[in-house]
Each structure stands twice: as C-alpha cells, then as structure tokens.
C-alpha cells in the first residue's frame, strides 16, 4: 500500500475558504478508481507554521499513484489548488 500525504497552506486562510478547498479535495472520493482511501483534515491550532489542510490518500501501488496524478478529476483539483495555494504544497509518500 502506498500512502500519499500532502499539506496545503492557502492564500486565504479564512475558515470559509479552507472548508471550500477541503470540499474540492474530498469530492474526489469515488471518482478515481485507483484511489483506495481519502481523508481530508483541517488544522485546529492555526499557528503561523501550521498548514491549513492535510490530504491523506492511499493506493495499491506506485503505478496507481501515477495514474491518479494524471486522472482528469485530479487534474481539475490540481488546477484549483494552483489558484488557492500560498506558495507550494509539501508531501510525503511511503510504503506500508
């Protein structure tokens, strides 16, 4: 199993903006066959060093992760994220 975790910091850090982007992410559930698990978490501490949203996704293989990366639904999400991100996101991918 491959776990893909991404942290996002948004330009607009209001709760409304964060919730709207979290919905864009969670709406991928059930739309991408290779996506086996998705979890979207919102930061609760709101510190300067905090990221606003954590995305945890799981895949059966690296090939499935690669297929997810170019899936049309995910490409639309990536387009949205480019518009709302404050800089770049950070990620960790690991095998479990």
C-alpha atoms as a PDB file:
ATOM      1  CA  UNK A   1       0.000   0.000   0.000  1.00  0.00           C
ATOM      2  CA  UNK A   2       1.283   3.474  -0.916  1.00  0.00           C
ATOM      3  CA  UNK A   3       0.308   6.387   1.320  1.00  0.00           C
ATOM      4  CA  UNK A   4       0.471   9.871  -0.196  1.00  0.00           C
ATOM      5  CA  UNK A   5       0.191  12.785   2.265  1.00  0.00           C
ATOM      6  CA  UNK A   6       0.053  16.411   1.131  1.00  0.00           C
ATOM      7  CA  UNK A   7      -0.068  19.569   3.240  1.00  0.00           C
ATOM      8  CA  UNK A   8      -1.547  22.783   1.865  1.00  0.00           C
ATOM      9  CA  UNK A   9      -1.284  26.390   3.041  1.00  0.00           C
ATOM     10  CA  UNK A  10      -3.839  28.675   1.400  1.00  0.00           C
ATOM     11  CA  UNK A  11      -3.639  32.341   0.431  1.00  0.00           C
ATOM     12  CA  UNK A  12      -6.991  32.966   2.096  1.00  0.00           C
ATOM     13  CA  UNK A  13      -6.785  31.282   5.495  1.00  0.00           C
ATOM     14  CA  UNK A  14     -10.385  32.027   6.486  1.00  0.00           C
ATOM     15  CA  UNK A  15     -12.460  29.076   7.661  1.00  0.00           C
ATOM     16  CA  UNK A  16     -14.845  29.526   4.732  1.00  0.00           C
ATOM     17  CA  UNK A  17     -12.019  29.347   2.177  1.00  0.00           C
ATOM     18  CA  UNK A  18     -10.383  26.369   3.882  1.00  0.00           C
ATOM     19  CA  UNK A  19     -13.680  24.462   4.043  1.00  0.00           C
ATOM     20  CA  UNK A  20     -14.402  25.170   0.370  1.00  0.00           C
ATOM     21  CA  UNK A  21     -10.999  23.819  -0.695  1.00  0.00           C
ATOM     22  CA  UNK A  22     -11.342  20.818   1.621  1.00  0.00           C
ATOM     23  CA  UNK A  23     -14.613  20.008  -0.170  1.00  0.00           C
ATOM     24  CA  UNK A  24     -12.887  20.204  -3.572  1.00  0.00           C
ATOM     25  CA  UNK A  25     -10.389  17.626  -2.280  1.00  0.00           C
ATOM     26  CA  UNK A  26     -12.896  15.317  -0.585  1.00  0.00           C
ATOM     27  CA  UNK A  27     -15.137  15.357  -3.663  1.00  0.00           C
ATOM     28  CA  UNK A  28     -12.538  13.148  -5.390  1.00  0.00           C
ATOM     29  CA  UNK A  29     -13.832  10.239  -3.295  1.00  0.00           C
ATOM     30  CA  UNK A  30     -15.487   7.641  -5.513  1.00  0.00           C
ATOM     31  CA  UNK A  31     -14.465   9.366  -8.753  1.00  0.00           C
ATOM     32  CA  UNK A  32     -10.995   7.898  -9.262  1.00  0.00           C
ATOM     33  CA  UNK A  33     -10.951   4.072  -9.297  1.00  0.00           C
ATOM     34  CA  UNK A  34      -7.308   3.698  -8.158  1.00  0.00           C
ATOM     35  CA  UNK A  35      -7.906   5.948  -5.117  1.00  0.00           C
ATOM     36  CA  UNK A  36      -8.494   3.431  -2.323  1.00  0.00           C
ATOM     37  CA  UNK A  37      -8.737   5.847   0.641  1.00  0.00           C
ATOM     38  CA  UNK A  38      -9.022   9.590   1.069  1.00  0.00           C
ATOM     39  CA  UNK A  39      -9.044  11.665   4.225  1.00  0.00           C
ATOM     40  CA  UNK A  40      -9.047  15.451   4.423  1.00  0.00           C
ATOM     41  CA  UNK A  41      -8.145  17.117   7.717  1.00  0.00           C
ATOM     42  CA  UNK A  42      -8.336  20.780   8.715  1.00  0.00           C
ATOM     43  CA  UNK A  43      -5.752  22.301  11.041  1.00  0.00           C
ATOM     44  CA  UNK A  44      -7.062  23.047  14.531  1.00  0.00           C
ATOM     45  CA  UNK A  45      -4.124  25.004  16.018  1.00  0.00           C
ATOM     46  CA  UNK A  46      -3.881  27.807  13.424  1.00  0.00           C
ATOM     47  CA  UNK A  47      -0.292  28.651  14.210  1.00  0.00           C
ATOM     48  CA  UNK A  48       1.906  30.573  11.782  1.00  0.00           C
ATOM     49  CA  UNK A  49       3.840  27.399  10.929  1.00  0.00           C
ATOM     50  CA  UNK A  50       0.670  25.327  10.546  1.00  0.00           C
ATOM     51  CA  UNK A  51      -0.604  24.166   7.199  1.00  0.00           C
ATOM     52  CA  UNK A  52      -4.328  24.600   6.652  1.00  0.00           C
ATOM     53  CA  UNK A  53      -5.276  21.251   5.112  1.00  0.00           C
ATOM     54  CA  UNK A  54      -3.831  17.747   5.188  1.00  0.00           C
ATOM     55  CA  UNK A  55      -4.747  15.273   2.453  1.00  0.00           C
ATOM     56  CA  UNK A  56      -4.119  11.570   3.067  1.00  0.00           C
ATOM     57  CA  UNK A  57      -4.657   9.205   0.153  1.00  0.00           C
ATOM     58  CA  UNK A  58      -3.834   5.517  -0.309  1.00  0.00           C
ATOM     59  CA  UNK A  59      -3.133   3.440  -3.391  1.00  0.00           C
ATOM     60  CA  UNK A  60      -2.360  -0.217  -4.071  1.00  0.00           C
ATOM     61  CA  UNK A  61       0.846   0.570  -5.992  1.00  0.00           C
ATOM     62  CA  UNK A  62       3.149   3.280  -7.299  1.00  0.00           C
ATOM     63  CA  UNK A  63       1.581   2.727 -10.711  1.00  0.00           C
ATOM     64  CA  UNK A  64      -1.834   3.550  -9.248  1.00  0.00           C
ATOM     65  CA  UNK A  65      -0.408   6.700  -7.649  1.00  0.00           C
ATOM     66  CA  UNK A  66       0.951   7.688 -11.066  1.00  0.00           C
ATOM     67  CA  UNK A  67      -2.446   7.009 -12.688  1.00  0.00           C
ATOM     68  CA  UNK A  68      -4.125   9.184 -10.027  1.00  0.00           C
ATOM     69  CA  UNK A  69      -1.708  12.020 -10.752  1.00  0.00           C
ATOM     70  CA  UNK A  70      -2.907  12.291 -14.366  1.00  0.00           C
ATOM     71  CA  UNK A  71      -6.567  11.361 -13.866  1.00  0.00           C
ATOM     72  CA  UNK A  72      -8.891  14.107 -15.231  1.00  0.00           C
ATOM     73  CA  UNK A  73     -10.634  14.594 -11.867  1.00  0.00           C
ATOM     74  CA  UNK A  74      -7.298  15.048 -10.103  1.00  0.00           C
ATOM     75  CA  UNK A  75      -6.060  17.408 -12.828  1.00  0.00           C
ATOM     76  CA  UNK A  76      -9.070  19.659 -12.156  1.00  0.00           C
ATOM     77  CA  UNK A  77      -8.303  19.573  -8.421  1.00  0.00           C
ATOM     78  CA  UNK A  78      -4.678  20.487  -9.130  1.00  0.00           C
ATOM     79  CA  UNK A  79      -5.866  23.438 -11.218  1.00  0.00           C
ATOM     80  CA  UNK A  80      -7.982  24.658  -8.291  1.00  0.00           C
ATOM     81  CA  UNK A  81      -5.099  24.187  -5.858  1.00  0.00           C
ATOM     82  CA  UNK A  82      -2.761  26.308  -8.001  1.00  0.00           C
ATOM     83  CA  UNK A  83      -5.249  29.165  -7.699  1.00  0.00           C
ATOM     84  CA  UNK A  84      -5.688  28.991  -3.913  1.00  0.00           C
ATOM     85  CA  UNK A  85      -2.254  27.923  -2.653  1.00  0.00           C
ATOM     86  CA  UNK A  86       0.082  30.289  -0.861  1.00  0.00           C
ATOM     87  CA  UNK A  87       3.278  29.031  -2.468  1.00  0.00           C
ATOM     88  CA  UNK A  88       3.806  25.314  -2.846  1.00  0.00           C
ATOM     89  CA  UNK A  89       2.481  22.269  -1.066  1.00  0.00           C
ATOM     90  CA  UNK A  90       4.657  19.668   0.653  1.00  0.00           C
ATOM     91  CA  UNK A  91       4.193  15.917   0.520  1.00  0.00           C
ATOM     92  CA  UNK A  92       5.434  12.600   1.815  1.00  0.00           C
ATOM     93  CA  UNK A  93       4.926   9.269   0.039  1.00  0.00           C
ATOM     94  CA  UNK A  94       5.657   5.996   1.784  1.00  0.00           C
ATOM     95  CA  UNK A  95       5.027   2.292   1.523  1.00  0.00           C
ATOM     96  CA  UNK A  96       3.245   0.470   4.331  1.00  0.00           C
END
